[in-house]
Amino acid sequence: MTTHNRKGGATMANNDRFRVQGGARLHGEVHITGAKNSVLKLMAASLLAPGTSTITNVPDIADVDIMADLLTRLGCSVHRNGSEISISVPDKPGHRADYDLVRKMRASINVLGPLVARTGQAEVALPGGDAIGSRGLDFHIKGLEALGAKAHIEHGYVIAEAPSGLMGATIELDFPSVGATENIMTAAVLAQGRTTIDNAAREPDIVDLGEFLIAMGAKISGLGSPIITIEGVKKLSPTTHATIADRIITGTWAFAAVMTQGDITIHGARPQDLEIPLEKLTSAGAIITSTDDGIRVRMDSRPQSIDVSTLPYPGFPTDLLPMVIALNSIATGDAIVTENVFESRFMFVNELTRLGAQITVDGHHASIHGISQLSGAPVEATDIRAGAGLVLAALVSEGETTIDGAFHVDRGYPNFAEQLRALGADVVRE
């Protein structure tokens, strides 16, 4: 049985939109909640230990509800109370994750590794989620095969079987895939012997997941480095763990402060997770200072344009690409933004040009000529980050902008409209 005690999000209608009156200077304080890109992986990893694990600092977003429903289908009991979620995992969880839930969210694939490790088999529908490009599962499948599983795709499902258990192996990833690193890590913790992941992803979310697994009794070293080593153990125990703060939301508020020539204190921010974006904002003219529990971002003039290339962590995050393009569209000068992670990230540029932005896309490069002000128009969000980027652009547009597809933003940003209003923006949701 799943119980939810939250204010909305997933219950919001898919035809909701934001209505924004431009011109506000954002000023005030925000508090950063747990990271979407971490909490969903922690929830999936709870499958590794029978009993009740508790995750705290859980954000109030729609994707948490989807993952809770998925875990419930697998036989777990999920209870949520405010920012805390408890997941009671049975001795024998189910092994099939159906398409009707998996299609809503990419992170559903993260049950693959834990299910193979715990039950010796998994059937997980090919995932959906954001329309930002093809994110194949080749690395996930090759990783599980290296650990001794038989894995293939059939009738729209990833099917993996390891009836005799998994064996440790040395796995070299061609690309530091976050999802593949997570699935290999969560499978290898219960494998027999040592597993080494070479060219592993280094994101703070990977470190957070690893620390959760270690608290459960896993033996993992090298977190945050390109080489992660895992010594398999026979069983894991449930634990309690606080989700890491969301660096992408932190970055979004930092960009919002700079674009609106505002002044925002961001409580709970971890600046060490955002070194390159904060350096870029400083070069745009922002004044960024440390506080007792986060950072303050202040901007007193129109920003200077900034060139950016997205890369896996610790590079500039692809999830902040819409924000940097929106900033450059109203900055002084010209900029080149290069996307090296997802080939369809630039889909939202068509919407931004409806607001008057002067952007030319050539392959994975976008050339942006900054103008002093955008003009309001109806636009549509195609994914979580594009939606947030369009809202920021609307804040610096003359007149009114409506952004359809608000439900995308719900998947990553808790109470976005309310937080913007608290900072002085004229934003309503309808």
Protein backbone atom coordinates (compact mmCIF):
# COMPACT_ATOMS: atom_id res chain seq x y z
CA MET A 1 0.00 0.00 0.00
CA THR A 2 1.35 3.40 -0.91
CA THR A 3 0.39 6.43 1.10
CA HIS A 4 1.24 9.93 0.00
CA ASN A 5 1.13 13.03 2.11
CA ARG A 6 2.09 15.80 -0.27
CA LYS A 7 0.73 18.96 -1.75
CA GLY A 8 0.28 18.09 -5.40
CA GLY A 9 2.77 17.54 -8.21
CA ALA A 10 1.70 14.27 -9.79
CA THR A 11 -1.94 15.11 -9.27
CA MET A 12 -1.56 18.25 -11.38
CA ALA A 13 -3.23 18.10 -14.78
CA ASN A 14 -1.03 17.55 -17.82
CA ASN A 15 -2.51 20.67 -19.49
CA ASP A 16 -1.45 23.03 -16.69
CA ARG A 17 0.60 26.06 -17.68
CA PHE A 18 2.55 28.89 -16.14
CA ARG A 19 1.49 32.48 -16.83
CA VAL A 20 4.34 34.93 -16.29
CA GLN A 21 4.36 38.73 -16.37
CA GLY A 22 7.92 39.80 -17.17
CA GLY A 23 10.00 42.48 -15.55
CA ALA A 24 10.43 41.36 -11.93
CA ARG A 25 13.78 41.53 -10.18
CA LEU A 26 14.07 38.40 -8.03
CA HIS A 27 15.07 39.14 -4.45
CA GLY A 28 14.95 37.00 -1.30
CA GLU A 29 15.76 33.52 -0.04
CA VAL A 30 15.20 29.96 -1.24
CA HIS A 31 15.86 26.60 0.43
CA ILE A 32 17.26 23.73 -1.64
CA THR A 33 15.59 20.33 -1.19
CA GLY A 34 16.96 16.87 -1.96
CA ALA A 35 18.15 16.12 -5.48
CA LYS A 36 15.74 14.54 -7.96
CA ASN A 37 18.68 12.82 -9.68
CA SER A 38 19.66 11.22 -6.37
CA VAL A 39 16.47 10.40 -4.47
CA LEU A 40 14.99 8.25 -7.27
CA LYS A 41 18.17 6.13 -7.36
CA LEU A 42 18.18 5.80 -3.57
CA MET A 43 14.57 4.61 -3.66
CA ALA A 44 15.41 1.99 -6.31
CA ALA A 45 18.49 0.84 -4.35
CA SER A 46 16.36 0.21 -1.26
CA LEU A 47 15.29 -3.01 -3.06
CA LEU A 48 18.72 -4.46 -2.17
CA ALA A 49 17.86 -5.02 1.51
CA PRO A 50 14.77 -6.71 2.99
CA GLY A 51 13.22 -4.57 5.72
CA THR A 52 12.49 -0.86 5.98
CA SER A 53 14.88 1.81 4.71
CA THR A 54 14.11 5.48 5.31
CA ILE A 55 15.17 8.33 3.04
CA THR A 56 15.00 11.92 4.31
CA ASN A 57 15.26 15.31 2.55
CA VAL A 58 12.93 13.97 -0.17
CA PRO A 59 11.76 16.66 -2.63
CA ASP A 60 8.04 17.25 -3.24
CA ILE A 61 8.11 16.29 -6.94
CA ALA A 62 5.98 14.11 -9.17
CA ASP A 63 8.77 11.64 -10.06
CA VAL A 64 8.99 10.52 -6.41
CA ASP A 65 5.35 9.42 -6.61
CA ILE A 66 6.01 7.51 -9.83
CA MET A 67 8.96 5.66 -8.27
CA ALA A 68 6.86 4.94 -5.16
CA ASP A 69 4.15 3.41 -7.37
CA LEU A 70 6.75 1.32 -9.20
CA LEU A 71 8.19 -0.01 -5.92
CA THR A 72 4.66 -0.79 -4.70
CA ARG A 73 4.08 -2.88 -7.84
CA LEU A 74 7.25 -4.80 -6.96
CA GLY A 75 5.75 -5.74 -3.59
CA CYS A 76 7.14 -2.96 -1.39
CA SER A 77 5.15 -0.87 1.06
CA VAL A 78 5.91 2.84 0.63
CA HIS A 79 4.89 5.50 3.15
CA ARG A 80 5.59 9.18 2.80
CA ASN A 81 5.34 11.81 5.49
CA GLY A 82 6.47 15.27 4.42
CA SER A 83 10.11 15.10 3.33
CA GLU A 84 10.62 11.55 4.64
CA ILE A 85 9.85 8.33 2.82
CA SER A 86 9.96 4.79 4.26
CA ILE A 87 10.23 1.78 1.95
CA SER A 88 9.51 -1.68 3.36
CA VAL A 89 11.02 -4.30 1.06
CA PRO A 90 9.78 -7.92 1.17
CA ASP A 91 12.06 -10.97 1.31
CA LYS A 92 11.08 -11.75 -2.28
CA PRO A 93 10.28 -8.62 -4.29
CA GLY A 94 8.67 -8.89 -7.72
CA HIS A 95 10.90 -8.64 -10.77
CA ARG A 96 8.74 -7.05 -13.48
CA ALA A 97 8.51 -3.26 -13.97
CA ASP A 98 5.65 -2.56 -16.37
CA TYR A 99 5.59 -0.03 -19.19
CA ASP A 100 2.66 2.06 -17.91
CA LEU A 101 4.86 3.40 -15.08
CA VAL A 102 8.33 3.08 -16.60
CA ARG A 103 7.36 5.14 -19.67
CA LYS A 104 6.83 8.18 -17.45
CA MET A 105 10.32 8.36 -16.03
CA ARG A 106 13.82 7.51 -17.18
CA ALA A 107 15.03 6.69 -13.65
CA SER A 108 12.78 3.60 -13.60
CA ILE A 109 15.65 1.71 -15.24
CA ASN A 110 17.49 1.98 -11.91
CA VAL A 111 15.53 -0.98 -10.52
CA LEU A 112 17.33 -3.23 -13.03
CA GLY A 113 20.60 -3.71 -11.11
CA PRO A 114 19.00 -4.22 -7.67
CA LEU A 115 16.41 -6.71 -9.00
CA VAL A 116 18.99 -8.87 -10.79
CA ALA A 117 21.17 -8.84 -7.66
CA ARG A 118 18.30 -9.65 -5.27
CA THR A 119 16.05 -11.97 -7.28
CA GLY A 120 18.30 -13.30 -10.05
CA GLN A 121 15.99 -11.91 -12.70
CA ALA A 122 14.51 -8.64 -13.91
CA GLU A 123 12.08 -7.52 -16.61
CA VAL A 124 12.07 -3.75 -16.94
CA ALA A 125 10.21 -1.95 -19.72
CA LEU A 126 12.33 0.37 -21.85
CA PRO A 127 12.02 3.72 -20.10
CA GLY A 128 10.54 7.03 -21.19
CA GLY A 129 11.03 10.43 -19.58
CA ASP A 130 12.33 13.62 -21.16
CA ALA A 131 12.60 14.17 -24.91
CA ILE A 132 16.27 15.17 -24.93
CA GLY A 133 17.78 12.47 -27.11
CA SER A 134 18.49 8.77 -27.36
CA ARG A 135 19.93 7.36 -24.17
CA GLY A 136 20.61 3.76 -25.08
CA LEU A 137 20.91 0.99 -22.54
CA ASP A 138 23.90 -0.71 -24.17
CA PHE A 139 26.25 0.20 -21.31
CA HIS A 140 23.76 -1.11 -18.71
CA ILE A 141 23.33 -4.42 -20.56
CA LYS A 142 27.06 -4.91 -21.22
CA GLY A 143 27.80 -4.19 -17.56
CA LEU A 144 25.32 -6.78 -16.31
CA GLU A 145 26.61 -9.32 -18.86
CA ALA A 146 30.15 -8.74 -17.60
CA LEU A 147 28.86 -9.64 -14.11
CA GLY A 148 27.53 -12.94 -15.50
CA ALA A 149 23.91 -12.09 -16.24
CA LYS A 150 22.23 -13.00 -19.51
CA ALA A 151 20.59 -9.81 -20.75
CA HIS A 152 18.69 -8.83 -23.88
CA ILE A 153 15.82 -6.65 -25.11
CA GLU A 154 12.60 -8.41 -26.09
CA HIS A 155 9.09 -7.04 -26.73
CA GLY A 156 10.05 -3.66 -25.32
CA TYR A 157 11.56 -5.03 -22.10
CA VAL A 158 15.11 -5.35 -20.83
CA ILE A 159 15.27 -8.94 -19.57
CA ALA A 160 18.19 -9.95 -17.38
CA GLU A 161 18.74 -13.32 -15.68
CA ALA A 162 21.39 -14.55 -13.27
CA PRO A 163 19.89 -17.63 -11.59
CA SER A 164 23.26 -18.63 -10.06
CA GLY A 165 24.07 -15.11 -8.88
CA LEU A 166 26.50 -12.52 -10.16
CA MET A 167 30.32 -12.64 -10.25
CA GLY A 168 32.65 -9.67 -9.86
CA ALA A 169 34.35 -8.36 -13.00
CA THR A 170 36.39 -5.50 -14.42
CA ILE A 171 34.11 -3.26 -16.49
CA GLU A 172 35.36 -0.38 -18.62
CA LEU A 173 32.69 2.08 -19.74
CA ASP A 174 33.12 3.74 -23.14
CA PHE A 175 31.40 6.83 -21.71
CA PRO A 176 30.98 7.81 -18.03
CA SER A 177 27.25 7.03 -18.08
CA VAL A 178 25.50 7.91 -14.82
CA GLY A 179 22.73 5.33 -15.22
CA ALA A 180 25.08 2.52 -16.22
CA THR A 181 27.45 3.29 -13.33
CA GLU A 182 24.48 3.17 -10.94
CA ASN A 183 23.06 -0.10 -12.27
CA ILE A 184 26.45 -1.83 -12.30
CA MET A 185 27.21 -0.58 -8.78
CA THR A 186 23.86 -1.72 -7.36
CA ALA A 187 24.22 -5.13 -9.00
CA ALA A 188 27.87 -5.61 -7.99
CA VAL A 189 27.36 -4.97 -4.26
CA LEU A 190 25.78 -8.45 -3.94
CA ALA A 191 28.02 -10.16 -6.53
CA GLN A 192 30.66 -12.67 -5.53
CA GLY A 193 34.15 -11.16 -5.57
CA ARG A 194 35.53 -7.79 -6.69
CA THR A 195 34.10 -5.50 -9.35
CA THR A 196 36.01 -2.56 -10.82
CA ILE A 197 34.20 0.10 -12.85
CA ASP A 198 36.67 2.02 -15.02
CA ASN A 199 35.62 5.41 -16.47
CA ALA A 200 32.80 5.53 -13.92
CA ALA A 201 30.54 8.58 -13.65
CA ARG A 202 31.67 11.00 -10.93
CA GLU A 203 28.49 13.01 -10.27
CA PRO A 204 27.62 13.94 -6.66
CA ASP A 205 24.50 11.74 -7.12
CA ILE A 206 26.77 8.71 -7.70
CA VAL A 207 28.64 9.51 -4.49
CA ASP A 208 25.33 9.88 -2.62
CA LEU A 209 24.11 6.49 -3.89
CA GLY A 210 27.44 4.88 -2.96
CA GLU A 211 27.26 6.28 0.57
CA PHE A 212 23.70 4.93 0.91
CA LEU A 213 24.93 1.48 -0.17
CA ILE A 214 27.88 1.65 2.25
CA ALA A 215 25.45 2.48 5.06
CA MET A 216 23.57 -0.71 4.07
CA GLY A 217 26.79 -2.71 4.47
CA ALA A 218 28.30 -2.56 0.96
CA LYS A 219 32.07 -2.33 0.49
CA ILE A 220 32.80 0.41 -2.04
CA SER A 221 35.86 2.59 -2.61
CA GLY A 222 36.77 5.26 -5.16
CA LEU A 223 33.46 7.17 -5.14
CA GLY A 224 33.82 10.48 -6.96
CA SER A 225 36.81 9.18 -8.95
CA PRO A 226 36.88 7.52 -12.41
CA ILE A 227 37.60 4.10 -10.85
CA ILE A 228 35.11 2.58 -8.40
CA THR A 229 35.94 -0.72 -6.68
CA ILE A 230 33.26 -2.90 -5.09
CA GLU A 231 33.85 -5.98 -2.92
CA GLY A 232 30.67 -8.05 -3.02
CA VAL A 233 28.91 -9.00 0.22
CA LYS A 234 26.34 -11.71 0.89
CA LYS A 235 23.56 -9.45 2.13
CA LEU A 236 22.72 -5.85 2.92
CA SER A 237 20.67 -4.31 5.73
CA PRO A 238 18.15 -1.44 5.60
CA THR A 239 19.33 2.00 6.65
CA THR A 240 18.37 5.68 6.98
CA HIS A 241 19.94 8.25 4.67
CA ALA A 242 19.50 11.96 3.85
CA THR A 243 19.35 12.86 0.14
CA ILE A 244 22.05 15.21 -1.12
CA ALA A 245 20.99 18.80 -2.00
CA ASP A 246 19.90 19.38 -5.61
CA ARG A 247 22.71 21.07 -7.53
CA ILE A 248 20.58 21.65 -10.64
CA ILE A 249 17.90 23.54 -8.69
CA THR A 250 20.70 25.47 -6.98
CA GLY A 251 22.11 26.36 -10.41
CA THR A 252 18.66 27.33 -11.69
CA TRP A 253 18.18 29.85 -8.87
CA ALA A 254 21.70 31.21 -9.42
CA PHE A 255 20.93 31.79 -13.12
CA ALA A 256 17.56 33.34 -12.19
CA ALA A 257 19.31 35.86 -9.92
CA VAL A 258 21.79 36.82 -12.64
CA MET A 259 19.22 37.05 -15.46
CA THR A 260 16.82 39.26 -13.48
CA GLN A 261 19.65 41.39 -12.00
CA GLY A 262 18.44 40.14 -8.66
CA ASP A 263 19.78 39.07 -5.28
CA ILE A 264 19.00 35.54 -4.04
CA THR A 265 20.37 33.76 -0.97
CA ILE A 266 20.31 30.00 -1.63
CA HIS A 267 20.16 28.02 1.63
CA GLY A 268 21.39 24.42 1.52
CA ALA A 269 23.44 24.97 -1.64
CA ARG A 270 26.64 22.94 -2.08
CA PRO A 271 28.88 25.23 -4.16
CA GLN A 272 31.53 22.49 -4.43
CA ASP A 273 29.10 20.60 -6.71
CA LEU A 274 28.75 23.58 -9.09
CA GLU A 275 32.25 25.00 -9.43
CA ILE A 276 32.22 25.52 -13.20
CA PRO A 277 28.68 27.00 -13.48
CA LEU A 278 29.41 29.42 -10.63
CA GLU A 279 32.71 30.41 -12.26
CA LYS A 280 30.82 31.08 -15.51
CA LEU A 281 28.25 33.23 -13.70
CA THR A 282 31.05 35.18 -12.03
CA SER A 283 32.56 35.87 -15.46
CA ALA A 284 29.09 37.08 -16.57
CA GLY A 285 29.35 39.69 -13.81
CA ALA A 286 27.66 38.01 -10.84
CA ILE A 287 28.81 38.60 -7.27
CA ILE A 288 28.73 35.20 -5.54
CA THR A 289 29.56 34.94 -1.84
CA SER A 290 29.48 32.07 0.67
CA THR A 291 26.98 32.09 3.54
CA ASP A 292 26.73 29.92 6.67
CA ASP A 293 24.65 27.31 4.84
CA GLY A 294 24.93 28.08 1.14
CA ILE A 295 25.58 30.97 -1.24
CA ARG A 296 24.29 34.43 -2.14
CA VAL A 297 24.09 35.41 -5.83
CA ARG A 298 23.76 39.09 -6.68
CA MET A 299 23.75 40.90 -10.03
CA ASP A 300 23.79 44.66 -10.50
CA SER A 301 23.92 45.01 -14.29
CA ARG A 302 23.04 43.28 -17.54
CA PRO A 303 25.09 40.05 -17.74
CA GLN A 304 28.00 39.53 -20.11
CA SER A 305 27.68 36.60 -22.53
CA ILE A 306 29.42 33.32 -21.59
CA ASP A 307 30.65 30.47 -23.79
CA VAL A 308 29.86 27.02 -22.40
CA SER A 309 30.46 23.37 -23.38
CA THR A 310 28.50 20.73 -21.47
CA LEU A 311 30.43 17.69 -20.25
CA PRO A 312 29.99 14.89 -17.71
CA TYR A 313 30.77 15.92 -14.10
CA PRO A 314 32.82 17.83 -13.07
CA GLY A 315 32.14 19.67 -16.34
CA PHE A 316 29.28 22.08 -17.01
CA PRO A 317 26.04 20.07 -16.48
CA THR A 318 23.81 19.43 -19.48
CA ASP A 319 20.80 20.00 -17.19
CA LEU A 320 21.74 23.70 -16.94
CA LEU A 321 22.05 24.16 -20.72
CA PRO A 322 18.57 25.77 -21.13
CA MET A 323 19.42 28.27 -18.39
CA VAL A 324 22.74 29.31 -19.95
CA ILE A 325 21.14 29.73 -23.37
CA ALA A 326 18.34 31.82 -21.82
CA LEU A 327 20.92 33.98 -20.03
CA ASN A 328 22.95 34.49 -23.21
CA SER A 329 19.80 35.51 -25.09
CA ILE A 330 19.59 38.71 -22.96
CA ALA A 331 23.33 39.18 -22.29
CA THR A 332 25.72 41.71 -23.77
CA GLY A 333 27.63 40.21 -26.71
CA ASP A 334 27.66 36.89 -28.59
CA ALA A 335 28.15 33.39 -27.22
CA ILE A 336 28.65 29.81 -28.39
CA VAL A 337 27.04 27.02 -26.36
CA THR A 338 28.05 23.43 -27.19
CA GLU A 339 26.05 20.37 -26.09
CA ASN A 340 28.17 17.21 -25.77
CA VAL A 341 25.83 14.91 -23.81
CA PHE A 342 22.29 14.80 -25.29
CA GLU A 343 21.77 15.41 -28.99
CA SER A 344 18.22 16.75 -28.67
CA ARG A 345 18.78 19.30 -25.88
CA PHE A 346 18.36 22.12 -28.41
CA MET A 347 14.71 21.25 -29.10
CA PHE A 348 13.67 24.01 -26.71
CA VAL A 349 15.56 26.66 -28.73
CA ASN A 350 12.59 26.86 -31.13
CA GLU A 351 10.43 27.93 -28.19
CA LEU A 352 12.98 30.48 -26.98
CA THR A 353 13.12 32.09 -30.44
CA ARG A 354 9.34 32.66 -30.15
CA LEU A 355 10.25 35.10 -27.37
CA GLY A 356 12.56 36.93 -29.76
CA ALA A 357 15.86 35.24 -28.86
CA GLN A 358 18.44 35.36 -31.67
CA ILE A 359 19.84 31.81 -31.77
CA THR A 360 21.29 29.76 -34.62
CA VAL A 361 21.81 26.03 -34.10
CA ASP A 362 24.40 24.11 -36.12
CA GLY A 363 24.75 20.47 -35.06
CA HIS A 364 25.62 20.48 -31.38
CA HIS A 365 26.55 24.18 -31.31
CA ALA A 366 24.22 27.11 -30.66
CA SER A 367 25.29 30.66 -31.54
CA ILE A 368 23.45 33.27 -29.48
CA HIS A 369 23.37 37.02 -30.05
CA GLY A 370 22.21 38.78 -26.90
CA ILE A 371 19.46 41.40 -27.07
CA SER A 372 18.39 43.76 -24.29
CA GLN A 373 14.93 42.23 -23.74
CA LEU A 374 12.77 39.33 -24.93
CA SER A 375 9.05 39.71 -25.66
CA GLY A 376 6.27 37.57 -24.18
CA ALA A 377 4.56 34.87 -26.25
CA PRO A 378 2.95 31.43 -25.78
CA VAL A 379 5.59 28.67 -25.56
CA GLU A 380 5.70 25.00 -24.57
CA ALA A 381 8.02 23.03 -22.29
CA THR A 382 9.37 19.79 -23.80
CA ASP A 383 11.24 18.55 -20.72
CA ILE A 384 11.95 19.46 -17.09
CA ARG A 385 14.94 21.74 -17.63
CA ALA A 386 13.60 23.33 -20.81
CA GLY A 387 10.47 24.23 -18.86
CA ALA A 388 12.48 25.90 -16.10
CA GLY A 389 14.66 27.70 -18.67
CA LEU A 390 11.57 29.06 -20.44
CA VAL A 391 10.13 30.34 -17.15
CA LEU A 392 13.41 32.20 -16.51
CA ALA A 393 13.28 33.64 -20.03
CA ALA A 394 9.68 34.73 -19.41
CA LEU A 395 10.82 36.65 -16.32
CA VAL A 396 13.03 38.83 -18.53
CA SER A 397 10.46 39.22 -21.34
CA GLU A 398 8.29 42.26 -21.91
CA GLY A 399 4.62 41.51 -21.26
CA GLU A 400 3.01 38.15 -20.70
CA THR A 401 4.35 34.66 -21.49
CA THR A 402 2.46 31.39 -21.07
CA ILE A 403 4.43 28.15 -20.77
CA ASP A 404 2.40 25.01 -21.52
CA GLY A 405 3.54 21.64 -20.14
CA ALA A 406 3.95 22.75 -16.52
CA PHE A 407 3.78 19.08 -15.47
CA HIS A 408 7.30 18.62 -16.88
CA VAL A 409 8.61 21.21 -14.42
CA ASP A 410 6.77 19.47 -11.53
CA ARG A 411 8.96 16.43 -12.14
CA GLY A 412 12.06 18.33 -11.05
CA TYR A 413 11.12 21.55 -9.24
CA PRO A 414 8.97 21.48 -6.09
CA ASN A 415 6.43 24.34 -5.84
CA PHE A 416 8.22 26.33 -8.55
CA ALA A 417 5.55 29.00 -9.04
CA GLU A 418 5.15 29.55 -5.29
CA GLN A 419 8.89 29.95 -4.81
CA LEU A 420 9.10 32.43 -7.68
CA ARG A 421 6.24 34.49 -6.23
CA ALA A 422 8.02 34.56 -2.87
CA LEU A 423 10.99 36.13 -4.68
CA GLY A 424 8.78 38.82 -6.21
CA ALA A 425 7.89 37.30 -9.59
CA ASP A 426 4.42 37.62 -11.11
CA VAL A 427 3.85 33.94 -11.88
CA VAL A 428 0.62 31.95 -11.65
CA ARG A 429 -0.16 28.38 -12.49
CA GLU A 430 -3.41 27.57 -14.25
